[in-house]
């Protein structure tokens, strides 16, 4: 099963449990995330293992987040004054997303491990 199908299936299953309707905005959010995960997965190979790719992905997220956070500021000094609040915001968001995904992965561990093995066998 592809990463996209796995993610869409996971989203639908977890949201069915919570009786949450997946809005078009939520679907677009998850599709963007799946596309980025696909790019990260395409970097795996003899040149880079998952830890290296993950580190690059974290760095890219940090760089992109810094750029997004700067929008609306006119002066670098004003932006610098908000650094602690910006860091706190992004760390809180990341912590929640990571916690939710770790919980989901633990609850569906056997299924995800099997999907990963199926993907490797297909290559």
Protein backbone atom coordinates (compact mmCIF):
# COMPACT_ATOMS: atom_id res chain seq x y z
CA UNK A 1 0.00 0.00 0.00
CA UNK A 2 1.37 3.42 -0.87
CA UNK A 3 2.15 6.06 1.74
CA UNK A 4 -0.77 8.16 0.43
CA UNK A 5 -3.24 5.30 0.74
CA UNK A 6 -1.92 4.38 4.17
CA UNK A 7 -2.21 7.96 5.41
CA UNK A 8 -5.70 8.43 3.94
CA UNK A 9 -6.81 5.14 5.43
CA UNK A 10 -5.36 6.08 8.81
CA UNK A 11 -7.02 9.48 8.75
CA UNK A 12 -10.36 8.01 7.86
CA UNK A 13 -10.14 5.24 10.45
CA UNK A 14 -9.09 7.53 13.29
CA UNK A 15 -11.70 10.11 12.38
CA UNK A 16 -14.46 7.51 12.11
CA UNK A 17 -13.64 6.49 15.66
CA UNK A 18 -13.96 10.10 16.79
CA UNK A 19 -16.99 10.76 14.56
CA UNK A 20 -15.20 13.68 12.97
CA UNK A 21 -16.09 14.66 9.44
CA UNK A 22 -13.08 15.13 7.17
CA UNK A 23 -13.54 18.53 5.57
CA UNK A 24 -12.02 19.44 2.20
CA UNK A 25 -9.53 21.65 4.08
CA UNK A 26 -8.46 18.73 6.28
CA UNK A 27 -8.13 16.46 3.25
CA UNK A 28 -5.96 19.07 1.51
CA UNK A 29 -3.82 19.38 4.67
CA UNK A 30 -3.21 15.62 4.78
CA UNK A 31 -2.57 15.43 1.03
CA UNK A 32 0.14 18.10 1.33
CA UNK A 33 1.69 16.22 4.24
CA UNK A 34 1.56 12.96 2.26
CA UNK A 35 3.29 14.65 -0.69
CA UNK A 36 6.11 15.86 1.57
CA UNK A 37 6.41 12.38 3.13
CA UNK A 38 6.61 10.96 -0.39
CA UNK A 39 9.50 13.27 -1.21
CA UNK A 40 11.26 12.27 2.02
CA UNK A 41 10.75 8.58 1.25
CA UNK A 42 12.19 9.09 -2.23
CA UNK A 43 15.44 10.25 -0.61
CA UNK A 44 15.98 6.90 1.15
CA UNK A 45 18.62 4.62 -0.28
CA UNK A 46 22.29 3.83 -0.21
CA UNK A 47 23.16 7.52 0.10
CA UNK A 48 20.85 8.26 3.07
CA UNK A 49 19.08 6.24 5.76
CA UNK A 50 15.84 7.21 7.52
CA UNK A 51 17.64 9.03 10.35
CA UNK A 52 19.50 11.24 7.89
CA UNK A 53 16.39 11.93 5.83
CA UNK A 54 14.42 12.64 9.01
CA UNK A 55 17.05 15.13 10.16
CA UNK A 56 16.89 16.89 6.79
CA UNK A 57 13.10 16.96 6.98
CA UNK A 58 13.19 18.51 10.45
CA UNK A 59 15.69 21.11 9.26
CA UNK A 60 13.51 21.91 6.24
CA UNK A 61 10.46 22.28 8.51
CA UNK A 62 12.39 24.64 10.78
CA UNK A 63 13.61 26.74 7.86
CA UNK A 64 10.19 26.91 6.28
CA UNK A 65 8.56 27.75 9.62
CA UNK A 66 11.01 30.59 10.21
CA UNK A 67 10.14 32.00 6.80
CA UNK A 68 6.39 31.68 7.42
CA UNK A 69 6.73 33.24 10.88
CA UNK A 70 8.49 36.27 9.39
CA UNK A 71 5.51 37.18 7.22
CA UNK A 72 3.97 40.44 8.34
CA UNK A 73 7.05 41.81 10.07
CA UNK A 74 8.67 44.94 8.65
CA UNK A 75 11.84 44.99 10.75
CA UNK A 76 14.18 42.20 11.73
CA UNK A 77 14.43 43.64 15.23
CA UNK A 78 10.67 43.33 15.72
CA UNK A 79 10.80 39.78 14.42
CA UNK A 80 13.69 38.93 16.76
CA UNK A 81 11.70 40.22 19.75
CA UNK A 82 9.01 37.61 19.01
CA UNK A 83 11.46 34.70 18.67
CA UNK A 84 10.63 33.04 22.00
CA UNK A 85 6.88 33.19 21.36
CA UNK A 86 7.33 31.85 17.83
CA UNK A 87 9.50 28.98 19.05
CA UNK A 88 6.98 28.18 21.79
CA UNK A 89 4.13 28.12 19.26
CA UNK A 90 5.90 25.78 16.83
CA UNK A 91 7.25 23.49 19.55
CA UNK A 92 3.75 23.15 21.03
CA UNK A 93 2.30 22.32 17.60
CA UNK A 94 5.07 19.81 16.83
CA UNK A 95 4.80 18.16 20.25
CA UNK A 96 1.06 17.61 19.78
CA UNK A 97 1.41 16.31 16.22
CA UNK A 98 4.27 14.00 17.20
CA UNK A 99 2.38 12.69 20.22
CA UNK A 100 -0.75 12.03 18.15
CA UNK A 101 1.24 10.22 15.46
CA UNK A 102 3.19 8.12 17.98
CA UNK A 103 -0.08 7.08 19.61
CA UNK A 104 -1.57 6.19 16.23
CA UNK A 105 1.53 4.26 15.19
CA UNK A 106 1.62 2.32 18.47
CA UNK A 107 -2.07 1.45 18.19
CA UNK A 108 -1.65 0.29 14.58
CA UNK A 109 1.92 -0.96 14.84
CA UNK A 110 1.39 -4.42 13.34
CA UNK A 111 -0.53 -2.99 10.39
CA UNK A 112 2.05 -0.26 9.71
CA UNK A 113 4.99 -2.65 10.00
CA UNK A 114 3.28 -5.00 7.53
CA UNK A 115 2.60 -2.09 5.14
CA UNK A 116 6.26 -1.04 5.33
CA UNK A 117 7.35 -4.61 4.55
CA UNK A 118 4.90 -4.78 1.62
CA UNK A 119 6.30 -1.51 0.23
CA UNK A 120 9.89 -2.80 0.50
CA UNK A 121 8.97 -6.09 -1.19
CA UNK A 122 7.34 -4.22 -4.07
CA UNK A 123 10.57 -2.34 -4.78
